[in-house]
Full PDB file with SEQRES, HELIX, SHEET, SSBOND, CRYST1, ORIGX, SCALE, CONECT and MASTER records, all heavy atoms in Angstrom:
SEQRES   1 A   33  TRP PHE ARG GLN VAL PRO GLY LYS GLY ARG GLU PHE LEU          
SEQRES   2 A   33  ALA ALA VAL LYS GLN ASN SER ALA SER LYS TYR TYR SER          
SEQRES   3 A   33  SER VAL MET ARG GLY ARG PHE                                  
HELIX    1 AA1 SER A   27  MET A   29  5                                   3    
SHEET    1 AA1 2 PHE A   2  ARG A   3  0                                        
SHEET    2 AA1 2 GLU A  11  PHE A  12 -1                                        
SHEET    1 AA2 2 ALA A  14  VAL A  16  0                                        
SHEET    2 AA2 2 LYS A  23  TYR A  25 -1                                        
CRYST1    1.000    1.000    1.000  90.00  90.00  90.00 P 1           1          
ORIGX1      1.000000  0.000000  0.000000        0.00000                         
ORIGX2      0.000000  1.000000  0.000000        0.00000                         
ORIGX3      0.000000  0.000000  1.000000        0.00000                         
SCALE1      1.000000  0.000000  0.000000        0.00000                         
SCALE2      0.000000  1.000000  0.000000        0.00000                         
SCALE3      0.000000  0.000000  1.000000        0.00000                         
ATOM      1  N   TRP A   1      12.187  -7.252  13.752  1.00  0.00           N  
ATOM      2  CA  TRP A   1      11.760  -6.568  12.530  1.00  0.00           C  
ATOM      3  C   TRP A   1      11.240  -5.046  12.954  1.00  0.00           C  
ATOM      4  O   TRP A   1      10.594  -4.972  13.938  1.00  0.00           O  
ATOM      5  CB  TRP A   1      10.543  -7.303  12.043  1.00  0.00           C  
ATOM      6  CG  TRP A   1      10.878  -8.446  11.218  1.00  0.00           C  
ATOM      7  CD1 TRP A   1      10.794  -9.804  11.672  1.00  0.00           C  
ATOM      8  CD2 TRP A   1      11.292  -8.564   9.801  1.00  0.00           C  
ATOM      9  NE1 TRP A   1      11.193 -10.689  10.717  1.00  0.00           N  
ATOM     10  CE2 TRP A   1      11.539  -9.948   9.558  1.00  0.00           C  
ATOM     11  CE3 TRP A   1      11.494  -7.616   8.879  1.00  0.00           C  
ATOM     12  CZ2 TRP A   1      11.902 -10.389   8.325  1.00  0.00           C  
ATOM     13  CZ3 TRP A   1      11.974  -8.094   7.615  1.00  0.00           C  
ATOM     14  CH2 TRP A   1      12.113  -9.430   7.356  1.00  0.00           C  
ATOM     15  N   PHE A   2      11.798  -4.184  12.134  1.00  0.00           N  
ATOM     16  CA  PHE A   2      11.364  -2.752  12.296  1.00  0.00           C  
ATOM     17  C   PHE A   2      10.929  -2.186  10.962  1.00  0.00           C  
ATOM     18  O   PHE A   2      11.176  -2.804   9.942  1.00  0.00           O  
ATOM     19  CB  PHE A   2      12.607  -1.955  12.763  1.00  0.00           C  
ATOM     20  CG  PHE A   2      13.122  -2.349  14.146  1.00  0.00           C  
ATOM     21  CD1 PHE A   2      13.901  -3.517  14.290  1.00  0.00           C  
ATOM     22  CD2 PHE A   2      12.895  -1.450  15.210  1.00  0.00           C  
ATOM     23  CE1 PHE A   2      14.365  -3.810  15.603  1.00  0.00           C  
ATOM     24  CE2 PHE A   2      13.430  -1.827  16.430  1.00  0.00           C  
ATOM     25  CZ  PHE A   2      14.089  -2.986  16.706  1.00  0.00           C  
ATOM     26  N   ARG A   3      10.238  -1.005  11.065  1.00  0.00           N  
ATOM     27  CA  ARG A   3       9.965  -0.383   9.764  1.00  0.00           C  
ATOM     28  C   ARG A   3      10.243   1.076  10.019  1.00  0.00           C  
ATOM     29  O   ARG A   3      10.248   1.632  11.095  1.00  0.00           O  
ATOM     30  CB  ARG A   3       8.509  -0.548   9.417  1.00  0.00           C  
ATOM     31  CG  ARG A   3       7.452  -0.048  10.235  1.00  0.00           C  
ATOM     32  CD  ARG A   3       6.078  -0.430   9.783  1.00  0.00           C  
ATOM     33  NE  ARG A   3       5.017   0.146  10.568  1.00  0.00           N  
ATOM     34  CZ  ARG A   3       3.792  -0.220  10.494  1.00  0.00           C  
ATOM     35  NH1 ARG A   3       3.347  -1.047   9.595  1.00  0.00           N  
ATOM     36  NH2 ARG A   3       2.931   0.356  11.300  1.00  0.00           N  
ATOM     37  N   GLN A   4      10.468   1.850   8.815  1.00  0.00           N  
ATOM     38  CA  GLN A   4      10.707   3.246   8.896  1.00  0.00           C  
ATOM     39  C   GLN A   4      10.020   3.970   7.693  1.00  0.00           C  
ATOM     40  O   GLN A   4      10.171   3.479   6.568  1.00  0.00           O  
ATOM     41  CB  GLN A   4      12.206   3.382   8.873  1.00  0.00           C  
ATOM     42  CG  GLN A   4      12.701   4.842   9.086  1.00  0.00           C  
ATOM     43  CD  GLN A   4      14.167   4.988   9.133  1.00  0.00           C  
ATOM     44  OE1 GLN A   4      14.910   4.191   8.608  1.00  0.00           O  
ATOM     45  NE2 GLN A   4      14.705   5.890   9.963  1.00  0.00           N  
ATOM     46  N   VAL A   5       9.543   5.197   8.044  1.00  0.00           N  
ATOM     47  CA  VAL A   5       9.019   6.032   6.984  1.00  0.00           C  
ATOM     48  C   VAL A   5       9.894   7.234   6.873  1.00  0.00           C  
ATOM     49  O   VAL A   5      10.509   7.624   7.937  1.00  0.00           O  
ATOM     50  CB  VAL A   5       7.559   6.379   7.161  1.00  0.00           C  
ATOM     51  CG1 VAL A   5       6.666   5.251   7.157  1.00  0.00           C  
ATOM     52  CG2 VAL A   5       7.369   7.119   8.553  1.00  0.00           C  
ATOM     53  N   PRO A   6       9.851   8.017   5.814  1.00  0.00           N  
ATOM     54  CA  PRO A   6      10.844   9.150   5.803  1.00  0.00           C  
ATOM     55  C   PRO A   6      10.555  10.282   6.861  1.00  0.00           C  
ATOM     56  O   PRO A   6       9.434  10.549   7.199  1.00  0.00           O  
ATOM     57  CB  PRO A   6      10.457   9.772   4.407  1.00  0.00           C  
ATOM     58  CG  PRO A   6      10.015   8.592   3.606  1.00  0.00           C  
ATOM     59  CD  PRO A   6       9.291   7.733   4.578  1.00  0.00           C  
ATOM     60  N   GLY A   7      11.652  10.698   7.387  1.00  0.00           N  
ATOM     61  CA  GLY A   7      11.523  11.702   8.502  1.00  0.00           C  
ATOM     62  C   GLY A   7      11.229  11.208   9.902  1.00  0.00           C  
ATOM     63  O   GLY A   7      11.122  12.002  10.758  1.00  0.00           O  
ATOM     64  N   LYS A   8      11.137   9.869  10.057  1.00  0.00           N  
ATOM     65  CA  LYS A   8      10.892   9.235  11.358  1.00  0.00           C  
ATOM     66  C   LYS A   8      11.956   8.190  11.614  1.00  0.00           C  
ATOM     67  O   LYS A   8      12.577   7.591  10.743  1.00  0.00           O  
ATOM     68  CB  LYS A   8       9.502   8.749  11.414  1.00  0.00           C  
ATOM     69  CG  LYS A   8       8.403   9.776  11.300  1.00  0.00           C  
ATOM     70  CD  LYS A   8       6.990   9.200  11.607  1.00  0.00           C  
ATOM     71  CE  LYS A   8       5.970  10.174  11.609  1.00  0.00           C  
ATOM     72  NZ  LYS A   8       6.127  11.243  12.732  1.00  0.00           N  
ATOM     73  N   GLY A   9      12.069   7.907  12.936  1.00  0.00           N  
ATOM     74  CA  GLY A   9      13.022   6.761  13.419  1.00  0.00           C  
ATOM     75  C   GLY A   9      12.278   5.408  13.067  1.00  0.00           C  
ATOM     76  O   GLY A   9      11.178   5.306  12.729  1.00  0.00           O  
ATOM     77  N   ARG A  10      13.065   4.387  13.252  1.00  0.00           N  
ATOM     78  CA  ARG A  10      12.671   3.058  13.022  1.00  0.00           C  
ATOM     79  C   ARG A  10      11.605   2.691  14.075  1.00  0.00           C  
ATOM     80  O   ARG A  10      11.826   2.988  15.302  1.00  0.00           O  
ATOM     81  CB  ARG A  10      13.803   2.114  13.068  1.00  0.00           C  
ATOM     82  CG  ARG A  10      14.484   2.038  11.718  1.00  0.00           C  
ATOM     83  CD  ARG A  10      15.581   1.010  11.748  1.00  0.00           C  
ATOM     84  NE  ARG A  10      16.830   1.335  12.415  1.00  0.00           N  
ATOM     85  CZ  ARG A  10      17.907   1.780  11.781  1.00  0.00           C  
ATOM     86  NH1 ARG A  10      17.980   1.840  10.459  1.00  0.00           N  
ATOM     87  NH2 ARG A  10      18.904   2.191  12.565  1.00  0.00           N  
ATOM     88  N   GLU A  11      10.564   1.966  13.675  1.00  0.00           N  
ATOM     89  CA  GLU A  11       9.493   1.579  14.569  1.00  0.00           C  
ATOM     90  C   GLU A  11       9.563   0.162  14.821  1.00  0.00           C  
ATOM     91  O   GLU A  11       9.552  -0.709  13.808  1.00  0.00           O  
ATOM     92  CB  GLU A  11       8.191   2.042  13.966  1.00  0.00           C  
ATOM     93  CG  GLU A  11       6.925   1.583  14.767  1.00  0.00           C  
ATOM     94  CD  GLU A  11       5.622   1.810  13.982  1.00  0.00           C  
ATOM     95  OE1 GLU A  11       5.568   1.675  12.688  1.00  0.00           O  
ATOM     96  OE2 GLU A  11       4.706   2.281  14.640  1.00  0.00           O  
ATOM     97  N   PHE A  12       9.541  -0.376  16.064  1.00  0.00           N  
ATOM     98  CA  PHE A  12       9.623  -1.730  16.415  1.00  0.00           C  
ATOM     99  C   PHE A  12       8.261  -2.456  16.022  1.00  0.00           C  
ATOM    100  O   PHE A  12       7.192  -1.994  16.279  1.00  0.00           O  
ATOM    101  CB  PHE A  12       9.887  -1.990  17.806  1.00  0.00           C  
ATOM    102  CG  PHE A  12       9.869  -3.386  18.268  1.00  0.00           C  
ATOM    103  CD1 PHE A  12      10.774  -4.266  17.883  1.00  0.00           C  
ATOM    104  CD2 PHE A  12       8.769  -3.833  19.065  1.00  0.00           C  
ATOM    105  CE1 PHE A  12      10.720  -5.589  18.308  1.00  0.00           C  
ATOM    106  CE2 PHE A  12       8.732  -5.099  19.553  1.00  0.00           C  
ATOM    107  CZ  PHE A  12       9.716  -6.059  19.145  1.00  0.00           C  
ATOM    108  N   LEU A  13       8.442  -3.645  15.407  1.00  0.00           N  
ATOM    109  CA  LEU A  13       7.300  -4.449  15.021  1.00  0.00           C  
ATOM    110  C   LEU A  13       7.186  -5.770  15.717  1.00  0.00           C  
ATOM    111  O   LEU A  13       6.192  -6.065  16.391  1.00  0.00           O  
ATOM    112  CB  LEU A  13       7.343  -4.743  13.517  1.00  0.00           C  
ATOM    113  CG  LEU A  13       7.431  -3.574  12.571  1.00  0.00           C  
ATOM    114  CD1 LEU A  13       7.493  -4.044  11.194  1.00  0.00           C  
ATOM    115  CD2 LEU A  13       6.128  -2.710  12.771  1.00  0.00           C  
ATOM    116  N   ALA A  14       8.261  -6.584  15.734  1.00  0.00           N  
ATOM    117  CA  ALA A  14       8.292  -7.919  16.315  1.00  0.00           C  
ATOM    118  C   ALA A  14       9.673  -8.417  16.573  1.00  0.00           C  
ATOM    119  O   ALA A  14      10.594  -7.954  15.778  1.00  0.00           O  
ATOM    120  CB  ALA A  14       7.432  -8.814  15.375  1.00  0.00           C  
ATOM    121  N   ALA A  15       9.840  -9.379  17.422  1.00  0.00           N  
ATOM    122  CA  ALA A  15      11.171 -10.054  17.628  1.00  0.00           C  
ATOM    123  C   ALA A  15      10.965 -11.429  18.124  1.00  0.00           C  
ATOM    124  O   ALA A  15      10.040 -11.823  18.728  1.00  0.00           O  
ATOM    125  CB  ALA A  15      11.889  -9.202  18.549  1.00  0.00           C  
ATOM    126  N   VAL A  16      12.052 -12.135  17.925  1.00  0.00           N  
ATOM    127  CA  VAL A  16      12.252 -13.512  18.455  1.00  0.00           C  
ATOM    128  C   VAL A  16      13.571 -13.451  19.253  1.00  0.00           C  
ATOM    129  O   VAL A  16      14.511 -13.082  18.836  1.00  0.00           O  
ATOM    130  CB  VAL A  16      12.388 -14.635  17.477  1.00  0.00           C  
ATOM    131  CG1 VAL A  16      12.444 -16.016  18.126  1.00  0.00           C  
ATOM    132  CG2 VAL A  16      11.104 -14.705  16.521  1.00  0.00           C  
ATOM    133  N   LYS A  17      13.346 -13.869  20.588  1.00  0.00           N  
ATOM    134  CA  LYS A  17      14.571 -13.647  21.544  1.00  0.00           C  
ATOM    135  C   LYS A  17      15.646 -14.783  21.178  1.00  0.00           C  
ATOM    136  O   LYS A  17      15.346 -15.830  20.792  1.00  0.00           O  
ATOM    137  CB  LYS A  17      13.978 -13.776  22.949  1.00  0.00           C  
ATOM    138  CG  LYS A  17      15.083 -13.230  23.878  1.00  0.00           C  
ATOM    139  CD  LYS A  17      14.326 -13.158  25.281  1.00  0.00           C  
ATOM    140  CE  LYS A  17      15.340 -12.523  26.348  1.00  0.00           C  
ATOM    141  NZ  LYS A  17      14.673 -12.446  27.725  1.00  0.00           N  
ATOM    142  N   GLN A  18      16.830 -14.421  21.545  1.00  0.00           N  
ATOM    143  CA  GLN A  18      17.904 -15.394  21.456  1.00  0.00           C  
ATOM    144  C   GLN A  18      17.741 -16.528  22.367  1.00  0.00           C  
ATOM    145  O   GLN A  18      17.282 -16.403  23.460  1.00  0.00           O  
ATOM    146  CB  GLN A  18      19.280 -14.609  21.771  1.00  0.00           C  
ATOM    147  CG  GLN A  18      19.425 -14.098  23.131  1.00  0.00           C  
ATOM    148  CD  GLN A  18      18.745 -12.747  23.389  1.00  0.00           C  
ATOM    149  OE1 GLN A  18      18.297 -12.148  22.433  1.00  0.00           O  
ATOM    150  NE2 GLN A  18      18.714 -12.404  24.648  1.00  0.00           N  
ATOM    151  N   ASN A  19      18.187 -17.667  21.852  1.00  0.00           N  
ATOM    152  CA  ASN A  19      18.033 -18.873  22.577  1.00  0.00           C  
ATOM    153  C   ASN A  19      16.738 -19.197  23.259  1.00  0.00           C  
ATOM    154  O   ASN A  19      16.601 -19.674  24.329  1.00  0.00           O  
ATOM    155  CB  ASN A  19      19.166 -19.026  23.633  1.00  0.00           C  
ATOM    156  CG  ASN A  19      20.560 -18.951  22.999  1.00  0.00           C  
ATOM    157  OD1 ASN A  19      20.941 -19.609  22.144  1.00  0.00           O  
ATOM    158  ND2 ASN A  19      21.419 -18.032  23.567  1.00  0.00           N  
ATOM    159  N   SER A  20      15.628 -18.794  22.559  1.00  0.00           N  
ATOM    160  CA  SER A  20      14.278 -18.830  23.165  1.00  0.00           C  
ATOM    161  C   SER A  20      13.278 -18.943  22.039  1.00  0.00           C  
ATOM    162  O   SER A  20      13.554 -18.498  20.836  1.00  0.00           O  
ATOM    163  CB  SER A  20      14.040 -17.631  23.991  1.00  0.00           C  
ATOM    164  OG  SER A  20      12.749 -17.692  24.460  1.00  0.00           O  
ATOM    165  N   ALA A  21      12.118 -19.469  22.356  1.00  0.00           N  
ATOM    166  CA  ALA A  21      10.955 -19.410  21.396  1.00  0.00           C  
ATOM    167  C   ALA A  21      10.109 -18.208  21.733  1.00  0.00           C  
ATOM    168  O   ALA A  21       9.110 -18.049  21.078  1.00  0.00           O  
ATOM    169  CB  ALA A  21      10.175 -20.722  21.544  1.00  0.00           C  
ATOM    170  N   SER A  22      10.546 -17.375  22.718  1.00  0.00           N  
ATOM    171  CA  SER A  22       9.653 -16.194  23.058  1.00  0.00           C  
ATOM    172  C   SER A  22       9.577 -15.265  21.910  1.00  0.00           C  
ATOM    173  O   SER A  22      10.577 -14.889  21.241  1.00  0.00           O  
ATOM    174  CB  SER A  22      10.214 -15.491  24.280  1.00  0.00           C  
ATOM    175  OG  SER A  22      10.201 -16.396  25.383  1.00  0.00           O  
ATOM    176  N   LYS A  23       8.371 -14.809  21.649  1.00  0.00           N  
ATOM    177  CA  LYS A  23       8.059 -13.764  20.647  1.00  0.00           C  
ATOM    178  C   LYS A  23       7.379 -12.522  21.237  1.00  0.00           C  
ATOM    179  O   LYS A  23       6.708 -12.596  22.171  1.00  0.00           O  
ATOM    180  CB  LYS A  23       7.191 -14.383  19.533  1.00  0.00           C  
ATOM    181  CG  LYS A  23       7.813 -15.545  18.753  1.00  0.00           C  
ATOM    182  CD  LYS A  23       6.823 -16.155  17.906  1.00  0.00           C  
ATOM    183  CE  LYS A  23       7.402 -17.327  17.157  1.00  0.00           C  
ATOM    184  NZ  LYS A  23       6.459 -17.935  16.145  1.00  0.00           N  
ATOM    185  N   TYR A  24       7.819 -11.406  20.638  1.00  0.00           N  
ATOM    186  CA  TYR A  24       7.274 -10.112  21.141  1.00  0.00           C  
ATOM    187  C   TYR A  24       6.764  -9.344  19.957  1.00  0.00           C  
ATOM    188  O   TYR A  24       7.286  -9.357  18.940  1.00  0.00           O  
ATOM    189  CB  TYR A  24       8.418  -9.316  21.788  1.00  0.00           C  
ATOM    190  CG  TYR A  24       9.062 -10.096  22.918  1.00  0.00           C  
ATOM    191  CD1 TYR A  24      10.159 -10.987  22.759  1.00  0.00           C  
ATOM    192  CD2 TYR A  24       8.686 -10.015  24.269  1.00  0.00           C  
ATOM    193  CE1 TYR A  24      10.811 -11.734  23.774  1.00  0.00           C  
ATOM    194  CE2 TYR A  24       9.262 -10.717  25.264  1.00  0.00           C  
ATOM    195  CZ  TYR A  24      10.313 -11.576  25.008  1.00  0.00           C  
ATOM    196  OH  TYR A  24      10.931 -12.184  26.063  1.00  0.00           O  
ATOM    197  N   TYR A  25       5.690  -8.693  20.271  1.00  0.00           N  
ATOM    198  CA  TYR A  25       5.029  -7.785  19.199  1.00  0.00           C  
ATOM    199  C   TYR A  25       4.680  -6.487  19.761  1.00  0.00           C  
ATOM    200  O   TYR A  25       4.277  -6.242  20.867  1.00  0.00           O  
ATOM    201  CB  TYR A  25       3.718  -8.479  18.765  1.00  0.00           C  
ATOM    202  CG  TYR A  25       3.978  -9.819  18.055  1.00  0.00           C  
ATOM    203  CD1 TYR A  25       3.800 -11.038  18.717  1.00  0.00           C  
ATOM    204  CD2 TYR A  25       4.284  -9.833  16.687  1.00  0.00           C  
ATOM    205  CE1 TYR A  25       4.004 -12.245  18.084  1.00  0.00           C  
ATOM    206  CE2 TYR A  25       4.411 -11.037  16.016  1.00  0.00           C  
ATOM    207  CZ  TYR A  25       4.317 -12.141  16.743  1.00  0.00           C  
ATOM    208  OH  TYR A  25       4.569 -13.428  16.053  1.00  0.00           O  
ATOM    209  N   SER A  26       4.821  -5.467  18.844  1.00  0.00           N  
ATOM    210  CA  SER A  26       4.397  -4.133  19.110  1.00  0.00           C  
ATOM    211  C   SER A  26       2.854  -4.079  19.042  1.00  0.00           C  
ATOM    212  O   SER A  26       2.247  -4.648  18.220  1.00  0.00           O  
ATOM    213  CB  SER A  26       4.980  -3.160  18.171  1.00  0.00           C  
ATOM    214  OG  SER A  26       4.422  -1.815  18.245  1.00  0.00           O  
ATOM    215  N   SER A  27       2.241  -3.177  19.819  1.00  0.00           N  
ATOM    216  CA  SER A  27       0.796  -2.935  19.662  1.00  0.00           C  
ATOM    217  C   SER A  27       0.362  -2.358  18.508  1.00  0.00           C  
ATOM    218  O   SER A  27      -0.728  -2.478  18.033  1.00  0.00           O  
ATOM    219  CB  SER A  27       0.289  -2.092  20.933  1.00  0.00           C  
ATOM    220  OG  SER A  27       0.907  -0.870  20.810  1.00  0.00           O  
ATOM    221  N   VAL A  28       1.302  -1.774  17.653  1.00  0.00           N  
ATOM    222  CA  VAL A  28       0.910  -1.174  16.381  1.00  0.00           C  
ATOM    223  C   VAL A  28       0.583  -2.199  15.364  1.00  0.00           C  
ATOM    224  O   VAL A  28      -0.059  -1.797  14.387  1.00  0.00           O  
ATOM    225  CB  VAL A  28       1.947  -0.233  15.840  1.00  0.00           C  
ATOM    226  CG1 VAL A  28       2.374   0.791  16.952  1.00  0.00           C  
ATOM    227  CG2 VAL A  28       3.205  -1.077  15.512  1.00  0.00           C  
ATOM    228  N   MET A  29       0.914  -3.417  15.624  1.00  0.00           N  
ATOM    229  CA  MET A  29       0.628  -4.507  14.594  1.00  0.00           C  
ATOM    230  C   MET A  29      -0.789  -4.949  14.556  1.00  0.00           C  
ATOM    231  O   MET A  29      -1.297  -5.549  13.686  1.00  0.00           O  
ATOM    232  CB  MET A  29       1.511  -5.649  14.884  1.00  0.00           C  
ATOM    233  CG  MET A  29       3.005  -5.447  14.785  1.00  0.00           C  
ATOM    234  SD  MET A  29       3.466  -5.032  13.049  1.00  0.00           S  
ATOM    235  CE  MET A  29       3.440  -3.203  13.184  1.00  0.00           C  
ATOM    236  N   ARG A  30      -1.555  -4.604  15.697  1.00  0.00           N  
ATOM    237  CA  ARG A  30      -2.972  -4.916  15.775  1.00  0.00           C  
ATOM    238  C   ARG A  30      -3.312  -6.450  15.523  1.00  0.00           C  
ATOM    239  O   ARG A  30      -4.386  -6.751  15.017  1.00  0.00           O  
ATOM    240  CB  ARG A  30      -3.786  -4.079  14.861  1.00  0.00           C  
ATOM    241  CG  ARG A  30      -3.644  -2.587  15.068  1.00  0.00           C  
ATOM    242  CD  ARG A  30      -4.424  -1.725  14.077  1.00  0.00           C  
ATOM    243  NE  ARG A  30      -4.354  -0.357  14.349  1.00  0.00           N  
ATOM    244  CZ  ARG A  30      -3.388   0.471  13.828  1.00  0.00           C  
ATOM    245  NH1 ARG A  30      -2.378  -0.090  13.182  1.00  0.00           N  
ATOM    246  NH2 ARG A  30      -3.417   1.811  14.121  1.00  0.00           N  
ATOM    247  N   GLY A  31      -2.366  -7.331  15.740  1.00  0.00           N  
ATOM    248  CA  GLY A  31      -2.555  -8.687  15.541  1.00  0.00           C  
ATOM    249  C   GLY A  31      -2.547  -9.163  14.164  1.00  0.00           C  
ATOM    250  O   GLY A  31      -2.740 -10.378  13.901  1.00  0.00           O  
ATOM    251  N   ARG A  32      -2.045  -8.340  13.261  1.00  0.00           N  
ATOM    252  CA  ARG A  32      -2.047  -8.670  11.767  1.00  0.00           C  
ATOM    253  C   ARG A  32      -0.774  -9.277  11.397  1.00  0.00           C  
ATOM    254  O   ARG A  32      -0.657  -9.906  10.262  1.00  0.00           O  
ATOM    255  CB  ARG A  32      -2.341  -7.454  10.955  1.00  0.00           C  
ATOM    256  CG  ARG A  32      -3.759  -6.870  11.210  1.00  0.00           C  
ATOM    257  CD  ARG A  32      -3.874  -5.668  10.328  1.00  0.00           C  
ATOM    258  NE  ARG A  32      -3.043  -4.490  10.745  1.00  0.00           N  
ATOM    259  CZ  ARG A  32      -2.108  -3.981   9.907  1.00  0.00           C  
ATOM    260  NH1 ARG A  32      -1.880  -4.388   8.783  1.00  0.00           N  
ATOM    261  NH2 ARG A  32      -1.315  -3.029  10.384  1.00  0.00           N  
ATOM    262  N   PHE A  33       0.305  -9.050  12.165  1.00  0.00           N  
ATOM    263  CA  PHE A  33       1.651  -9.547  11.633  1.00  0.00           C  
ATOM    264  C   PHE A  33       2.089 -10.719  12.644  1.00  0.00           C  
ATOM    265  O   PHE A  33       1.721 -10.685  13.849  1.00  0.00           O  
ATOM    266  CB  PHE A  33       2.678  -8.368  11.822  1.00  0.00           C  
ATOM    267  CG  PHE A  33       2.497  -7.347  10.789  1.00  0.00           C  
ATOM    268  CD1 PHE A  33       1.406  -7.245   9.970  1.00  0.00           C  
ATOM    269  CD2 PHE A  33       3.493  -6.329  10.688  1.00  0.00           C  
ATOM    270  CE1 PHE A  33       1.270  -6.165   9.073  1.00  0.00           C  
ATOM    271  CE2 PHE A  33       3.437  -5.296   9.810  1.00  0.00           C  
ATOM    272  CZ  PHE A  33       2.254  -5.244   9.038  1.00  0.00           C  
TER     273      PHE A  33                                                      
MASTER        0    0    0    1    4    0    0    6  272    1    0    3          
END                                                                             
């Protein structure tokens, strides 16, 4: 999952890895997502 605001590139939010239960989060989420 990514997000984007006008004039900026896409910002990484979170991911689930292939063939895995591993999840990854960006620090910008502050534990809310």
